[in-house]
Amino acid sequence: MSAESFNQLVGKVAGAIGDRPLDGALAAHLNAVFPADGDDFKRLADLCAKGEAEGWLMAREAGGIKFGRAVKPGGEAGRFSVDVVRMKDVRGPHHVHTNGEIGAVFPIEGSPRFDEFPPGWYVYGPGSEHHPTVSGGDAYVLYLLPDGAIEFTGKP
C-alpha cells in the first residue's frame, strides 16, 4: 500500500511539473504548490522512510549512499523516472543531467543541505552536472529525471 501511495503522490508532482521549463521558476512553483511544511511534502518524506524500512525503496548501497529507482519513465510519473537516495554528509559520483533534474530534499537528522539547497524543491536545467553532496546531516533526496536520462562520468 505504501508503494502505491508513493506512486500516486509522485504522479501528482509530475502533473504539477507538466511541460514547464526546468528552471528557477519551476523550483519556485513546486515550493509554492508542495511547500516543505505542507502535507504532501511531509507525506512524501514519510513514504520515503516507509519505503526504506519495507525494502521497496533504496534497496542498493554504495559509497555510503543508499539508492534506487522507484519509478521508470512511462509509469505513474509520466515521462519522468523517480529515484530516491539517502545521503549523510557525503559526496556522490559526478554525473550530467542530460535533460535536467527536479528534486526534493527531505531532512532526516541534523540540518542537511543538498548542494547547498535547504529542504524543499530544487531544479537543475538540461546539461547541468555536479557531484551530489549532502552536508550538515542526513537526508532523503527524491529526484525526477525527464526520460530517465542521467550520465555518470567517473570524474573525480
Protein backbone atom coordinates (compact mmCIF):
# COMPACT_ATOMS: atom_id res chain seq x y z
CA MET A 1 0.00 0.00 0.00
CA SER A 2 2.87 2.41 0.76
CA ALA A 3 4.40 1.92 -2.69
CA GLU A 4 1.04 2.62 -4.32
CA SER A 5 0.61 5.81 -2.27
CA PHE A 6 4.17 6.86 -3.19
CA ASN A 7 3.47 6.30 -6.90
CA GLN A 8 0.24 8.31 -6.73
CA LEU A 9 1.93 11.22 -4.97
CA VAL A 10 4.90 11.39 -7.38
CA GLY A 11 2.34 11.27 -10.19
CA LYS A 12 0.69 14.33 -8.66
CA VAL A 13 4.08 16.10 -8.56
CA ALA A 14 4.80 15.14 -12.18
CA GLY A 15 1.40 16.55 -13.14
CA ALA A 16 2.28 19.85 -11.46
CA ILE A 17 5.53 19.96 -13.44
CA GLY A 18 3.84 19.26 -16.76
CA ASP A 19 5.80 20.71 -19.67
CA ARG A 20 7.25 23.64 -17.74
CA PRO A 21 10.88 24.53 -18.50
CA LEU A 22 13.38 23.20 -15.96
CA ASP A 23 14.48 26.45 -14.35
CA GLY A 24 14.21 28.57 -11.21
CA ALA A 25 10.58 29.39 -11.94
CA LEU A 26 9.73 25.70 -11.79
CA ALA A 27 11.52 25.36 -8.42
CA ALA A 28 9.53 28.34 -7.12
CA HIS A 29 6.30 26.79 -8.45
CA LEU A 30 6.95 23.45 -6.75
CA ASN A 31 7.96 25.14 -3.48
CA ALA A 32 4.64 27.04 -3.59
CA VAL A 33 2.45 24.06 -4.55
CA PHE A 34 4.25 21.46 -2.39
CA PRO A 35 5.93 23.52 0.37
CA ALA A 36 8.38 21.82 2.74
CA ASP A 37 5.97 22.39 5.63
CA GLY A 38 2.94 21.17 3.65
CA ASP A 39 1.03 17.91 3.94
CA ASP A 40 2.06 16.44 0.55
CA PHE A 41 5.75 17.15 1.17
CA LYS A 42 5.60 15.61 4.66
CA ARG A 43 3.68 12.61 3.29
CA LEU A 44 6.32 12.09 0.60
CA ALA A 45 9.06 12.17 3.27
CA ASP A 46 7.12 9.63 5.35
CA LEU A 47 6.69 7.38 2.31
CA CYS A 48 10.44 7.52 1.63
CA ALA A 49 11.06 6.34 5.21
CA LYS A 50 8.45 3.58 4.89
CA GLY A 51 9.86 2.51 1.54
CA GLU A 52 13.33 2.25 3.02
CA ALA A 53 12.07 0.29 6.05
CA GLU A 54 9.95 -2.03 3.87
CA GLY A 55 12.73 -2.53 1.31
CA TRP A 56 10.97 -1.27 -1.83
CA LEU A 57 12.96 1.98 -1.94
CA MET A 58 16.75 2.43 -1.87
CA ALA A 59 17.47 -1.29 -1.96
CA ARG A 60 21.09 -0.75 -3.05
CA GLU A 61 24.03 0.91 -1.35
CA ALA A 62 27.46 2.09 -2.48
CA GLY A 63 29.91 4.62 -1.10
CA GLY A 64 27.72 5.38 1.91
CA ILE A 65 24.72 6.22 -0.28
CA LYS A 66 21.52 4.17 -0.34
CA PHE A 67 19.75 4.48 -3.68
CA GLY A 68 17.20 3.05 -6.06
CA ARG A 69 14.90 3.85 -8.95
CA ALA A 70 11.31 3.79 -7.72
CA VAL A 71 9.52 4.65 -10.98
CA LYS A 72 10.65 4.16 -14.56
CA PRO A 73 9.75 6.68 -17.29
CA GLY A 74 6.33 5.97 -18.73
CA GLY A 75 4.93 4.90 -15.34
CA GLU A 76 2.94 6.82 -12.77
CA ALA A 77 5.16 9.89 -13.20
CA GLY A 78 4.66 10.15 -16.96
CA ARG A 79 7.87 10.95 -18.83
CA PHE A 80 9.91 11.10 -15.61
CA SER A 81 11.82 8.46 -13.76
CA VAL A 82 11.82 8.83 -9.98
CA ASP A 83 14.83 7.91 -7.87
CA VAL A 84 15.40 8.24 -4.13
CA VAL A 85 18.74 8.37 -2.33
CA ARG A 86 19.68 8.60 1.32
CA MET A 87 22.83 10.59 1.96
CA LYS A 88 24.54 11.68 5.17
CA ASP A 89 27.47 14.09 4.96
CA VAL A 90 28.69 12.50 1.74
CA ARG A 91 29.68 13.46 -1.80
CA GLY A 92 28.27 11.29 -4.55
CA PRO A 93 29.51 10.33 -8.03
CA HIS A 94 29.78 13.02 -10.70
CA HIS A 95 27.03 12.99 -13.31
CA VAL A 96 25.36 15.06 -16.00
CA HIS A 97 21.62 15.77 -16.07
CA THR A 98 21.19 15.28 -19.79
CA ASN A 99 17.62 16.59 -19.77
CA GLY A 100 17.70 18.24 -16.33
CA GLU A 101 16.70 17.17 -12.82
CA ILE A 102 13.90 18.15 -10.46
CA GLY A 103 14.45 17.19 -6.84
CA ALA A 104 13.25 17.45 -3.28
CA VAL A 105 15.35 17.42 -0.12
CA PHE A 106 13.77 15.77 2.95
CA PRO A 107 15.71 16.15 6.22
CA ILE A 108 16.07 13.08 8.42
CA GLU A 109 18.57 14.27 11.03
CA GLY A 110 20.51 17.47 11.60
CA SER A 111 20.19 20.41 9.21
CA PRO A 112 21.07 18.80 5.89
CA ARG A 113 21.58 20.73 2.70
CA PHE A 114 21.82 19.16 -0.73
CA ASP A 115 24.33 21.06 -2.88
CA GLU A 116 23.56 23.99 -0.55
CA PHE A 117 19.80 23.68 -1.19
CA PRO A 118 17.74 23.61 2.02
CA PRO A 119 14.78 21.24 2.47
CA GLY A 120 12.31 21.78 -0.34
CA TRP A 121 12.47 21.65 -4.14
CA TYR A 122 15.35 22.43 -6.48
CA VAL A 123 15.76 22.30 -10.26
CA TYR A 124 18.83 21.75 -12.43
CA GLY A 125 18.49 22.57 -16.12
CA PRO A 126 19.43 20.35 -19.08
CA GLY A 127 23.17 19.75 -19.37
CA SER A 128 23.91 20.64 -15.73
CA GLU A 129 26.40 18.49 -13.85
CA HIS A 130 27.64 18.01 -10.30
CA HIS A 131 28.87 15.78 -7.52
CA PRO A 132 25.67 15.47 -5.46
CA THR A 133 26.60 16.39 -1.90
CA VAL A 134 24.70 16.35 1.37
CA SER A 135 26.25 18.30 4.24
CA GLY A 136 25.06 19.10 7.75
CA GLY A 137 23.12 15.91 8.36
CA ASP A 138 21.13 13.05 6.90
CA ALA A 139 18.55 13.45 4.12
CA TYR A 140 16.45 11.70 1.56
CA VAL A 141 16.73 13.25 -1.88
CA LEU A 142 13.99 12.37 -4.35
CA TYR A 143 14.63 13.34 -7.94
CA LEU A 144 12.74 13.19 -11.20
CA LEU A 145 14.67 12.84 -14.45
CA PRO A 146 12.98 13.64 -17.76
CA ASP A 147 13.02 10.41 -19.80
CA GLY A 148 15.18 8.86 -17.04
CA ALA A 149 18.27 10.44 -18.58
CA ILE A 150 21.43 10.66 -16.45
CA GLU A 151 25.06 10.15 -17.40
CA PHE A 152 27.62 9.12 -14.79
CA THR A 153 31.01 10.43 -15.88
CA GLY A 154 33.51 8.85 -13.48
CA LYS A 155 35.13 12.27 -12.93
CA PRO A 156 36.88 12.58 -9.56
